[in-house]
Each structure stands twice: as C-alpha cells, then as structure tokens.
Amino acid sequence: MPRWWGRAAHALFLRAVQAADPALAQRLHDEEGVRPFTASNLLGVFPHGRPDPAQTYTLRFTALTAEVAAVLLWAVRVGPLTPGASVILDEVSFEVVAAALDPEAHPWAATTTYADLGAAHLLPRHHPPRRLSLHLASPTAFHTNGRTQPLPLPDLVFGNLLERWNRFAPLALPEAARQYAAECLVISRFHLRSQVVPLKEGGLRIGTVGEVTYTTRNYDRYWMGVMSALAALAQFSGVGTAVSVGMGQCRVRPSAAVAAEDFLA
C-alpha cells in the first residue's frame, strides 16, 4: 500500500475530467509549471498503514479556472464522482458516499470567484489585519534557486500565491507584491514540523506542516489587502510545489483562533 496517495488522487482527478472532456484532461496531464487544480492526499486513519473498510476517508479537489471548475462540478453531480460511485485509488476500490461544496458540509469545502476574493479584501471599505495566520495542512515546500526549501518564508509563500493568482485570475495583482512580502512581512509565530513525502522513484521530499503567522513591519492598507487576498486564495490554489499530488494544502486560520499555547517552544 502507498504511504502517500497524492499521485493516485491526481490520477483519479484526470480520469474524472477525461470522462467529460478528453482534450482538457490531456492538456492538464501535459501541462508543465502551475496547474489549474489541486488534489489532496487521502485523508483519514490508516490502521497498520492500510485503509480500514470501517473508516470514511476524504479526498479534496479544487479548480482555479472556470473550465476546470465546470468539469469538476459535473463530475460530483452527475459524473464519475457522484455519491454511490465506485472509484479506484492505486488498485484499491472505494465508494463515494458524499461530495461537499459548502463549508457547512465540510470545513475545507468552498466556492468563490476571483472577483469576490478581490472585493472582500481590496476594496477601500476593507481594513486588512496586521497579521495573517496560515494552516499548512499537508507537507509544503518551494523550489527556489535550484533547491527545495521547506520553510514557509514570506517571500516564497506570497510570491507563489501571486504567481497562481496572476496565472489564472482575469485581473492581475501588482508584481510589487513580491517586494512587499519580502521586505515588510516577518514570521512572528510558528508551530511547524517537517514531514516526509515519498516519491515514486524511491526518493524523499521534505515538507513543512503546521501553523505560521506573518506580521507586517510596515503597515499599508492596500498592500495588506493584497496579502489578505492572496492568503484567501491559498484554500483553492494550494501553495508551493506539487499541489496537484497532495502537497501544499493550505488555508487562512483566523487570528482569533491562534492561541498562545499553539506556539509553545
């Protein structure tokens, strides 16, 4: 049995897309660089390292373009991912029991648009916070200067999110956001640990999971609005490398929920 199901989830996602649009599935498969979807690892309890038929497991898929989102919605409503359907992950059969699109059904489920994200964080009536806290739910790492960097440094996190926003959103955000993140954001709190992701070639990739809080040293309403919008995007885009095979699952953690005891040394 695999210790990491991200590649199997990726394959399942592409099979679901292929059922509706074979050409789109081929494009998504062949595309290099930033892809317009994410797929999580298989989430749940694995006694003795194996799936337990008595347990319910979760997979999470997201889409960053209208084209991919339409196919994903079709797949969970009338296509191969509807409740009652049988799906295969690494030659193991699972039955789909539910598909959640709303946070009331599952805390990680949501739907939105780039326009709504922008309006919620960038309009003058919005007063962005000085601090942003992120929950890195699956191993997160970044490719930078030819190396893998597992630490969620501000310029890497928000630079990566900016790249994803500007790749897929109809209205781009200023590239100067990278400079603001690099020069003005600092890590003020963290509770992080390393976690290994096995690669198919037998190698290992190190990522980081946990909680991290960024605080601005130079508060600016507009730029912190941009940072807030990018942080909100993370729930849909993931952050870092290999988000289409389970890494980089991330979302904002409300400041009020970040208690001091979560960051004990």
C-alpha atoms as a PDB file:
ATOM      1  CA  MET A   1       0.000   0.000   0.000  1.00  0.00           C
ATOM      2  CA  PRO A   2       1.283   3.517  -0.738  1.00  0.00           C
ATOM      3  CA  ARG A   3       2.158   5.762   2.190  1.00  0.00           C
ATOM      4  CA  TRP A   4       1.277   8.750   0.021  1.00  0.00           C
ATOM      5  CA  TRP A   5      -1.916   8.757  -2.034  1.00  0.00           C
ATOM      6  CA  GLY A   6      -1.438  12.121  -3.745  1.00  0.00           C
ATOM      7  CA  ARG A   7      -0.405  10.642  -7.098  1.00  0.00           C
ATOM      8  CA  ALA A   8      -3.403   8.283  -7.020  1.00  0.00           C
ATOM      9  CA  ALA A   9      -5.699  11.237  -6.276  1.00  0.00           C
ATOM     10  CA  HIS A  10      -4.125  13.131  -9.188  1.00  0.00           C
ATOM     11  CA  ALA A  11      -4.819  10.183 -11.498  1.00  0.00           C
ATOM     12  CA  LEU A  12      -8.431   9.919 -10.278  1.00  0.00           C
ATOM     13  CA  PHE A  13      -8.965  13.623 -10.936  1.00  0.00           C
ATOM     14  CA  LEU A  14      -7.681  13.312 -14.506  1.00  0.00           C
ATOM     15  CA  ARG A  15      -9.887  10.259 -15.135  1.00  0.00           C
ATOM     16  CA  ALA A  16     -12.903  12.245 -13.943  1.00  0.00           C
ATOM     17  CA  VAL A  17     -12.009  15.119 -16.267  1.00  0.00           C
ATOM     18  CA  GLN A  18     -11.413  12.723 -19.148  1.00  0.00           C
ATOM     19  CA  ALA A  19     -14.938  11.361 -18.765  1.00  0.00           C
ATOM     20  CA  ALA A  20     -16.288  14.812 -19.613  1.00  0.00           C
ATOM     21  CA  ASP A  21     -13.570  16.367 -21.776  1.00  0.00           C
ATOM     22  CA  PRO A  22     -10.724  14.133 -23.022  1.00  0.00           C
ATOM     23  CA  ALA A  23      -8.896  17.056 -24.642  1.00  0.00           C
ATOM     24  CA  LEU A  24      -8.890  19.048 -21.385  1.00  0.00           C
ATOM     25  CA  ALA A  25      -7.671  16.009 -19.451  1.00  0.00           C
ATOM     26  CA  GLN A  26      -4.770  15.623 -21.889  1.00  0.00           C
ATOM     27  CA  ARG A  27      -3.865  19.318 -21.558  1.00  0.00           C
ATOM     28  CA  LEU A  28      -3.892  19.098 -17.778  1.00  0.00           C
ATOM     29  CA  HIS A  29      -1.728  15.989 -17.911  1.00  0.00           C
ATOM     30  CA  ASP A  30       0.809  17.503 -20.287  1.00  0.00           C
ATOM     31  CA  GLU A  31       0.899  20.977 -18.772  1.00  0.00           C
ATOM     32  CA  GLU A  32       4.101  21.976 -17.008  1.00  0.00           C
ATOM     33  CA  GLY A  33       4.500  24.538 -14.254  1.00  0.00           C
ATOM     34  CA  VAL A  34       1.496  25.917 -12.372  1.00  0.00           C
ATOM     35  CA  ARG A  35      -1.615  23.822 -12.994  1.00  0.00           C
ATOM     36  CA  PRO A  36      -5.227  24.997 -12.578  1.00  0.00           C
ATOM     37  CA  PHE A  37      -6.204  22.364  -9.999  1.00  0.00           C
ATOM     38  CA  THR A  38      -5.117  20.707  -6.773  1.00  0.00           C
ATOM     39  CA  ALA A  39      -5.583  17.208  -5.398  1.00  0.00           C
ATOM     40  CA  SER A  40      -5.060  16.229  -1.773  1.00  0.00           C
ATOM     41  CA  ASN A  41      -3.595  13.155  -0.184  1.00  0.00           C
ATOM     42  CA  LEU A  42      -6.117  10.570   1.035  1.00  0.00           C
ATOM     43  CA  LEU A  43      -7.115  11.834   4.480  1.00  0.00           C
ATOM     44  CA  GLY A  44      -8.121   9.596   7.359  1.00  0.00           C
ATOM     45  CA  VAL A  45      -6.915   6.925   9.781  1.00  0.00           C
ATOM     46  CA  PHE A  46      -4.897   4.007   8.384  1.00  0.00           C
ATOM     47  CA  PRO A  47      -4.565   1.149  10.901  1.00  0.00           C
ATOM     48  CA  HIS A  48      -1.355  -0.766  10.176  1.00  0.00           C
ATOM     49  CA  GLY A  49      -0.773   1.533   7.205  1.00  0.00           C
ATOM     50  CA  ARG A  50      -3.791   0.259   5.277  1.00  0.00           C
ATOM     51  CA  PRO A  51      -7.267   1.654   4.563  1.00  0.00           C
ATOM     52  CA  ASP A  52      -9.878   0.371   7.003  1.00  0.00           C
ATOM     53  CA  PRO A  53     -13.228  -0.562   5.384  1.00  0.00           C
ATOM     54  CA  ALA A  54     -14.976   0.726   8.524  1.00  0.00           C
ATOM     55  CA  GLN A  55     -13.458   4.197   8.139  1.00  0.00           C
ATOM     56  CA  THR A  56     -14.536   7.100   5.932  1.00  0.00           C
ATOM     57  CA  TYR A  57     -11.744   8.830   4.020  1.00  0.00           C
ATOM     58  CA  THR A  58     -11.604  12.231   2.359  1.00  0.00           C
ATOM     59  CA  LEU A  59     -10.168  13.497  -0.917  1.00  0.00           C
ATOM     60  CA  ARG A  60     -10.147  17.164  -1.785  1.00  0.00           C
ATOM     61  CA  PHE A  61     -10.051  18.609  -5.309  1.00  0.00           C
ATOM     62  CA  THR A  62     -10.021  22.287  -6.271  1.00  0.00           C
ATOM     63  CA  ALA A  63     -10.159  24.162  -9.576  1.00  0.00           C
ATOM     64  CA  LEU A  64      -8.669  27.545 -10.458  1.00  0.00           C
ATOM     65  CA  THR A  65     -10.342  28.191 -13.816  1.00  0.00           C
ATOM     66  CA  ALA A  66     -13.990  28.239 -14.867  1.00  0.00           C
ATOM     67  CA  GLU A  67     -13.319  25.497 -17.413  1.00  0.00           C
ATOM     68  CA  VAL A  68     -11.879  23.071 -14.862  1.00  0.00           C
ATOM     69  CA  ALA A  69     -14.422  24.057 -12.197  1.00  0.00           C
ATOM     70  CA  ALA A  70     -17.319  23.280 -14.548  1.00  0.00           C
ATOM     71  CA  VAL A  71     -15.978  19.799 -15.228  1.00  0.00           C
ATOM     72  CA  LEU A  72     -15.322  19.143 -11.532  1.00  0.00           C
ATOM     73  CA  LEU A  73     -18.868  20.208 -10.624  1.00  0.00           C
ATOM     74  CA  TRP A  74     -20.217  17.923 -13.350  1.00  0.00           C
ATOM     75  CA  ALA A  75     -18.127  15.039 -12.003  1.00  0.00           C
ATOM     76  CA  VAL A  76     -19.514  15.304  -8.456  1.00  0.00           C
ATOM     77  CA  ARG A  77     -23.114  15.998  -9.511  1.00  0.00           C
ATOM     78  CA  VAL A  78     -23.777  13.572 -12.357  1.00  0.00           C
ATOM     79  CA  GLY A  79     -20.371  12.198 -13.361  1.00  0.00           C
ATOM     80  CA  PRO A  80     -17.932   9.579 -12.011  1.00  0.00           C
ATOM     81  CA  LEU A  81     -17.529  11.191  -8.565  1.00  0.00           C
ATOM     82  CA  THR A  82     -21.215  11.283  -7.579  1.00  0.00           C
ATOM     83  CA  PRO A  83     -22.253   9.662  -4.280  1.00  0.00           C
ATOM     84  CA  GLY A  84     -22.613   5.934  -4.771  1.00  0.00           C
ATOM     85  CA  ALA A  85     -19.947   5.745  -7.474  1.00  0.00           C
ATOM     86  CA  SER A  86     -17.024   3.364  -7.159  1.00  0.00           C
ATOM     87  CA  VAL A  87     -13.538   4.810  -7.655  1.00  0.00           C
ATOM     88  CA  ILE A  88     -10.101   3.209  -7.771  1.00  0.00           C
ATOM     89  CA  LEU A  89      -7.022   4.566  -5.990  1.00  0.00           C
ATOM     90  CA  ASP A  90      -3.838   2.552  -6.505  1.00  0.00           C
ATOM     91  CA  GLU A  91      -5.868  -0.561  -7.297  1.00  0.00           C
ATOM     92  CA  VAL A  92      -7.970  -0.170  -4.133  1.00  0.00           C
ATOM     93  CA  SER A  93     -11.720   0.304  -4.587  1.00  0.00           C
ATOM     94  CA  PHE A  94     -13.595   2.998  -2.657  1.00  0.00           C
ATOM     95  CA  GLU A  95     -17.237   4.083  -2.728  1.00  0.00           C
ATOM     96  CA  VAL A  96     -18.068   7.792  -2.860  1.00  0.00           C
ATOM     97  CA  VAL A  97     -20.503   8.491  -0.003  1.00  0.00           C
ATOM     98  CA  ALA A  98     -20.735  12.301  -0.247  1.00  0.00           C
ATOM     99  CA  ALA A  99     -19.422  15.308  -2.155  1.00  0.00           C
ATOM    100  CA  ALA A 100     -19.197  18.599  -0.246  1.00  0.00           C
ATOM    101  CA  LEU A 101     -19.203  22.031  -1.884  1.00  0.00           C
ATOM    102  CA  ASP A 102     -20.175  24.152   1.111  1.00  0.00           C
ATOM    103  CA  PRO A 103     -18.245  24.844   4.353  1.00  0.00           C
ATOM    104  CA  GLU A 104     -21.312  23.798   6.336  1.00  0.00           C
ATOM    105  CA  ALA A 105     -20.846  20.309   4.906  1.00  0.00           C
ATOM    106  CA  HIS A 106     -17.056  20.240   5.314  1.00  0.00           C
ATOM    107  CA  PRO A 107     -14.721  22.910   6.756  1.00  0.00           C
ATOM    108  CA  TRP A 108     -12.416  22.794   3.726  1.00  0.00           C
ATOM    109  CA  ALA A 109     -15.225  22.994   1.143  1.00  0.00           C
ATOM    110  CA  ALA A 110     -15.995  26.335  -0.510  1.00  0.00           C
ATOM    111  CA  THR A 111     -16.787  28.055  -3.790  1.00  0.00           C
ATOM    112  CA  THR A 112     -15.924  31.608  -4.812  1.00  0.00           C
ATOM    113  CA  THR A 113     -14.709  33.761  -7.690  1.00  0.00           C
ATOM    114  CA  TYR A 114     -11.621  35.915  -8.143  1.00  0.00           C
ATOM    115  CA  ALA A 115     -13.904  38.957  -8.203  1.00  0.00           C
ATOM    116  CA  ASP A 116     -15.401  38.028  -4.831  1.00  0.00           C
ATOM    117  CA  LEU A 117     -11.970  37.375  -3.313  1.00  0.00           C
ATOM    118  CA  GLY A 118     -10.757  40.733  -4.563  1.00  0.00           C
ATOM    119  CA  ALA A 119     -13.851  42.585  -3.351  1.00  0.00           C
ATOM    120  CA  ALA A 120     -13.598  41.029   0.099  1.00  0.00           C
ATOM    121  CA  HIS A 121     -10.005  42.169   0.620  1.00  0.00           C
ATOM    122  CA  LEU A 122      -9.091  45.002  -1.747  1.00  0.00           C
ATOM    123  CA  LEU A 123     -11.969  47.491  -1.673  1.00  0.00           C
ATOM    124  CA  PRO A 124     -11.461  50.650   0.428  1.00  0.00           C
ATOM    125  CA  ARG A 125     -14.072  49.587   2.972  1.00  0.00           C
ATOM    126  CA  HIS A 126     -11.928  46.594   3.922  1.00  0.00           C
ATOM    127  CA  HIS A 127      -9.444  47.097   6.745  1.00  0.00           C
ATOM    128  CA  PRO A 128      -6.958  44.230   6.485  1.00  0.00           C
ATOM    129  CA  PRO A 129      -5.264  42.924   9.628  1.00  0.00           C
ATOM    130  CA  ARG A 130      -1.605  43.415  10.508  1.00  0.00           C
ATOM    131  CA  ARG A 131      -1.221  39.649  10.908  1.00  0.00           C
ATOM    132  CA  LEU A 132      -2.114  36.681   8.708  1.00  0.00           C
ATOM    133  CA  SER A 133      -2.012  33.120  10.001  1.00  0.00           C
ATOM    134  CA  LEU A 134      -1.856  30.106   7.670  1.00  0.00           C
ATOM    135  CA  HIS A 135      -2.511  26.464   8.376  1.00  0.00           C
ATOM    136  CA  LEU A 136      -0.214  24.239   6.305  1.00  0.00           C
ATOM    137  CA  ALA A 137      -2.298  21.067   6.376  1.00  0.00           C
ATOM    138  CA  SER A 138      -0.071  18.917   4.161  1.00  0.00           C
ATOM    139  CA  PRO A 139       3.698  18.988   3.562  1.00  0.00           C
ATOM    140  CA  THR A 140       4.633  22.282   1.922  1.00  0.00           C
ATOM    141  CA  ALA A 141       7.873  23.131   0.123  1.00  0.00           C
ATOM    142  CA  PHE A 142       9.153  25.514  -2.534  1.00  0.00           C
ATOM    143  CA  HIS A 143      11.563  25.314  -5.465  1.00  0.00           C
ATOM    144  CA  THR A 144      13.932  28.263  -5.288  1.00  0.00           C
ATOM    145  CA  ASN A 145      17.384  28.803  -6.743  1.00  0.00           C
ATOM    146  CA  GLY A 146      17.515  25.213  -7.925  1.00  0.00           C
ATOM    147  CA  ARG A 147      16.832  23.810  -4.461  1.00  0.00           C
ATOM    148  CA  THR A 148      13.880  22.657  -2.372  1.00  0.00           C
ATOM    149  CA  GLN A 149      13.137  24.983   0.531  1.00  0.00           C
ATOM    150  CA  PRO A 150      10.693  23.555   3.113  1.00  0.00           C
ATOM    151  CA  LEU A 151      10.483  26.691   5.257  1.00  0.00           C
ATOM    152  CA  PRO A 152       7.427  28.908   4.556  1.00  0.00           C
ATOM    153  CA  LEU A 153       9.324  32.185   4.253  1.00  0.00           C
ATOM    154  CA  PRO A 154       7.100  35.200   3.483  1.00  0.00           C
ATOM    155  CA  ASP A 155       8.513  35.952   0.028  1.00  0.00           C
ATOM    156  CA  LEU A 156       8.201  32.296  -1.025  1.00  0.00           C
ATOM    157  CA  VAL A 157       4.645  31.855   0.246  1.00  0.00           C
ATOM    158  CA  PHE A 158       3.151  35.090  -1.051  1.00  0.00           C
ATOM    159  CA  GLY A 159       5.283  35.103  -4.202  1.00  0.00           C
ATOM    160  CA  ASN A 160       3.976  31.639  -5.044  1.00  0.00           C
ATOM    161  CA  LEU A 161       0.377  32.680  -4.389  1.00  0.00           C
ATOM    162  CA  LEU A 162       0.867  35.796  -6.529  1.00  0.00           C
ATOM    163  CA  GLU A 163       2.106  33.618  -9.385  1.00  0.00           C
ATOM    164  CA  ARG A 164      -1.022  31.468  -9.160  1.00  0.00           C
ATOM    165  CA  TRP A 165      -3.370  34.457  -8.959  1.00  0.00           C
ATOM    166  CA  ASN A 166      -1.790  36.191 -11.949  1.00  0.00           C
ATOM    167  CA  ARG A 167      -1.733  32.987 -13.977  1.00  0.00           C
ATOM    168  CA  PHE A 168      -5.457  32.304 -13.684  1.00  0.00           C
ATOM    169  CA  ALA A 169      -7.338  35.398 -12.457  1.00  0.00           C
ATOM    170  CA  PRO A 170      -8.864  37.777 -15.031  1.00  0.00           C
ATOM    171  CA  LEU A 171      -7.302  40.780 -13.280  1.00  0.00           C
ATOM    172  CA  ALA A 172      -3.637  40.590 -12.228  1.00  0.00           C
ATOM    173  CA  LEU A 173      -2.232  41.899  -8.971  1.00  0.00           C
ATOM    174  CA  PRO A 174       0.937  44.044  -8.978  1.00  0.00           C
ATOM    175  CA  GLU A 175       4.255  42.206  -9.143  1.00  0.00           C
ATOM    176  CA  ALA A 176       5.467  44.650  -6.471  1.00  0.00           C
ATOM    177  CA  ALA A 177       3.532  42.478  -4.006  1.00  0.00           C
ATOM    178  CA  ARG A 178       6.570  40.168  -4.001  1.00  0.00           C
ATOM    179  CA  GLN A 179       8.751  43.014  -2.803  1.00  0.00           C
ATOM    180  CA  TYR A 180       6.301  43.981  -0.083  1.00  0.00           C
ATOM    181  CA  ALA A 181       6.184  40.370   1.181  1.00  0.00           C
ATOM    182  CA  ALA A 182       9.982  40.082   1.125  1.00  0.00           C
ATOM    183  CA  GLU A 183      10.697  43.414   2.799  1.00  0.00           C
ATOM    184  CA  CYS A 184       7.749  44.009   5.107  1.00  0.00           C
ATOM    185  CA  LEU A 185       6.394  40.635   6.270  1.00  0.00           C
ATOM    186  CA  VAL A 186       8.096  38.699   9.038  1.00  0.00           C
ATOM    187  CA  ILE A 187       7.280  35.405  10.733  1.00  0.00           C
ATOM    188  CA  SER A 188       6.049  36.348  14.204  1.00  0.00           C
ATOM    189  CA  ARG A 189       4.723  32.994  15.418  1.00  0.00           C
ATOM    190  CA  PHE A 190       5.012  29.417  14.249  1.00  0.00           C
ATOM    191  CA  HIS A 191       4.322  25.850  15.243  1.00  0.00           C
ATOM    192  CA  LEU A 192       5.874  23.813  12.451  1.00  0.00           C
ATOM    193  CA  ARG A 193       7.359  20.383  11.909  1.00  0.00           C
ATOM    194  CA  SER A 194       8.883  18.541   8.996  1.00  0.00           C
ATOM    195  CA  GLN A 195       7.109  15.707   7.216  1.00  0.00           C
ATOM    196  CA  VAL A 196       8.473  13.374   4.559  1.00  0.00           C
ATOM    197  CA  VAL A 197       6.680  12.707   1.265  1.00  0.00           C
ATOM    198  CA  PRO A 198       7.825   9.552  -0.588  1.00  0.00           C
ATOM    199  CA  LEU A 199       8.489   9.982  -4.312  1.00  0.00           C
ATOM    200  CA  LYS A 200       7.666   7.379  -6.928  1.00  0.00           C
ATOM    201  CA  GLU A 201      11.343   6.956  -7.805  1.00  0.00           C
ATOM    202  CA  GLY A 202      12.059   5.870  -4.228  1.00  0.00           C
ATOM    203  CA  GLY A 203      13.348   9.259  -3.124  1.00  0.00           C
ATOM    204  CA  LEU A 204      12.009  11.535  -0.418  1.00  0.00           C
ATOM    205  CA  ARG A 205      10.830  15.139  -0.358  1.00  0.00           C
ATOM    206  CA  ILE A 206      10.783  17.141   2.865  1.00  0.00           C
ATOM    207  CA  GLY A 207       7.870  19.487   3.513  1.00  0.00           C
ATOM    208  CA  THR A 208       6.564  21.518   6.417  1.00  0.00           C
ATOM    209  CA  VAL A 209       3.202  21.233   8.180  1.00  0.00           C
ATOM    210  CA  GLY A 210       1.706  23.316  10.973  1.00  0.00           C
ATOM    211  CA  GLU A 211       0.777  26.919  11.681  1.00  0.00           C
ATOM    212  CA  VAL A 212       2.631  30.112  10.798  1.00  0.00           C
ATOM    213  CA  THR A 213       1.764  33.776  11.403  1.00  0.00           C
ATOM    214  CA  TYR A 214       3.084  36.678   9.316  1.00  0.00           C
ATOM    215  CA  THR A 215       3.139  40.241  10.673  1.00  0.00           C
ATOM    216  CA  THR A 216       3.878  43.392   8.718  1.00  0.00           C
ATOM    217  CA  ARG A 217       6.671  45.696   9.871  1.00  0.00           C
ATOM    218  CA  ASN A 218       5.308  48.497   7.706  1.00  0.00           C
ATOM    219  CA  TYR A 219       1.518  48.512   7.650  1.00  0.00           C
ATOM    220  CA  ASP A 220      -0.079  49.659   4.412  1.00  0.00           C
ATOM    221  CA  ARG A 221      -3.806  49.166   3.896  1.00  0.00           C
ATOM    222  CA  TYR A 222      -3.558  48.412   0.184  1.00  0.00           C
ATOM    223  CA  TRP A 223      -0.617  46.017   0.359  1.00  0.00           C
ATOM    224  CA  MET A 224      -2.003  44.131   3.334  1.00  0.00           C
ATOM    225  CA  GLY A 225      -5.261  43.873   1.390  1.00  0.00           C
ATOM    226  CA  VAL A 226      -3.302  42.211  -1.416  1.00  0.00           C
ATOM    227  CA  MET A 227      -1.628  39.874   1.100  1.00  0.00           C
ATOM    228  CA  SER A 228      -5.047  39.020   2.559  1.00  0.00           C
ATOM    229  CA  ALA A 229      -6.483  38.246  -0.883  1.00  0.00           C
ATOM    230  CA  LEU A 230      -3.533  36.006  -1.689  1.00  0.00           C
ATOM    231  CA  ALA A 231      -3.831  34.233   1.650  1.00  0.00           C
ATOM    232  CA  ALA A 232      -7.531  33.601   0.954  1.00  0.00           C
ATOM    233  CA  LEU A 233      -6.638  32.160  -2.452  1.00  0.00           C
ATOM    234  CA  ALA A 234      -4.473  29.516  -0.779  1.00  0.00           C
ATOM    235  CA  GLN A 235      -7.520  27.447   0.181  1.00  0.00           C
ATOM    236  CA  PHE A 236      -8.223  26.926  -3.523  1.00  0.00           C
ATOM    237  CA  SER A 237      -4.773  27.118  -5.126  1.00  0.00           C
ATOM    238  CA  GLY A 238      -2.580  25.426  -2.555  1.00  0.00           C
ATOM    239  CA  VAL A 239       0.895  26.829  -2.070  1.00  0.00           C
ATOM    240  CA  GLY A 240       4.353  25.670  -3.074  1.00  0.00           C
ATOM    241  CA  THR A 241       5.346  22.706  -5.186  1.00  0.00           C
ATOM    242  CA  ALA A 242       3.416  19.532  -6.097  1.00  0.00           C
ATOM    243  CA  VAL A 243      -0.039  20.811  -5.107  1.00  0.00           C
ATOM    244  CA  SER A 244      -1.605  18.549  -7.755  1.00  0.00           C
ATOM    245  CA  VAL A 245      -0.285  15.452  -5.929  1.00  0.00           C
ATOM    246  CA  GLY A 246      -1.225  16.265  -2.350  1.00  0.00           C
ATOM    247  CA  MET A 247       1.342  18.760  -1.131  1.00  0.00           C
ATOM    248  CA  GLY A 248       0.725  22.388  -0.145  1.00  0.00           C
ATOM    249  CA  GLN A 249      -2.854  22.130   1.159  1.00  0.00           C
ATOM    250  CA  CYS A 250      -3.248  25.454   2.950  1.00  0.00           C
ATOM    251  CA  ARG A 251      -5.823  27.925   4.241  1.00  0.00           C
ATOM    252  CA  VAL A 252      -6.109  31.011   6.411  1.00  0.00           C
ATOM    253  CA  ARG A 253      -6.501  30.435  10.105  1.00  0.00           C
ATOM    254  CA  PRO A 254      -8.500  33.230  11.759  1.00  0.00           C
ATOM    255  CA  SER A 255      -6.358  35.313  14.103  1.00  0.00           C
ATOM    256  CA  ALA A 256      -8.772  34.744  16.972  1.00  0.00           C
ATOM    257  CA  ALA A 257      -8.162  31.004  16.686  1.00  0.00           C
ATOM    258  CA  VAL A 258      -4.390  31.307  17.038  1.00  0.00           C
ATOM    259  CA  ALA A 259      -3.902  30.774  20.743  1.00  0.00           C
ATOM    260  CA  ALA A 260      -0.602  31.280  22.538  1.00  0.00           C
ATOM    261  CA  GLU A 261      -0.489  27.637  23.574  1.00  0.00           C
ATOM    262  CA  ASP A 262      -0.398  26.626  19.905  1.00  0.00           C
ATOM    263  CA  PHE A 263       3.059  28.137  19.610  1.00  0.00           C
ATOM    264  CA  LEU A 264       4.855  26.890  22.710  1.00  0.00           C
ATOM    265  CA  ALA A 265       8.566  26.293  22.127  1.00  0.00           C
END
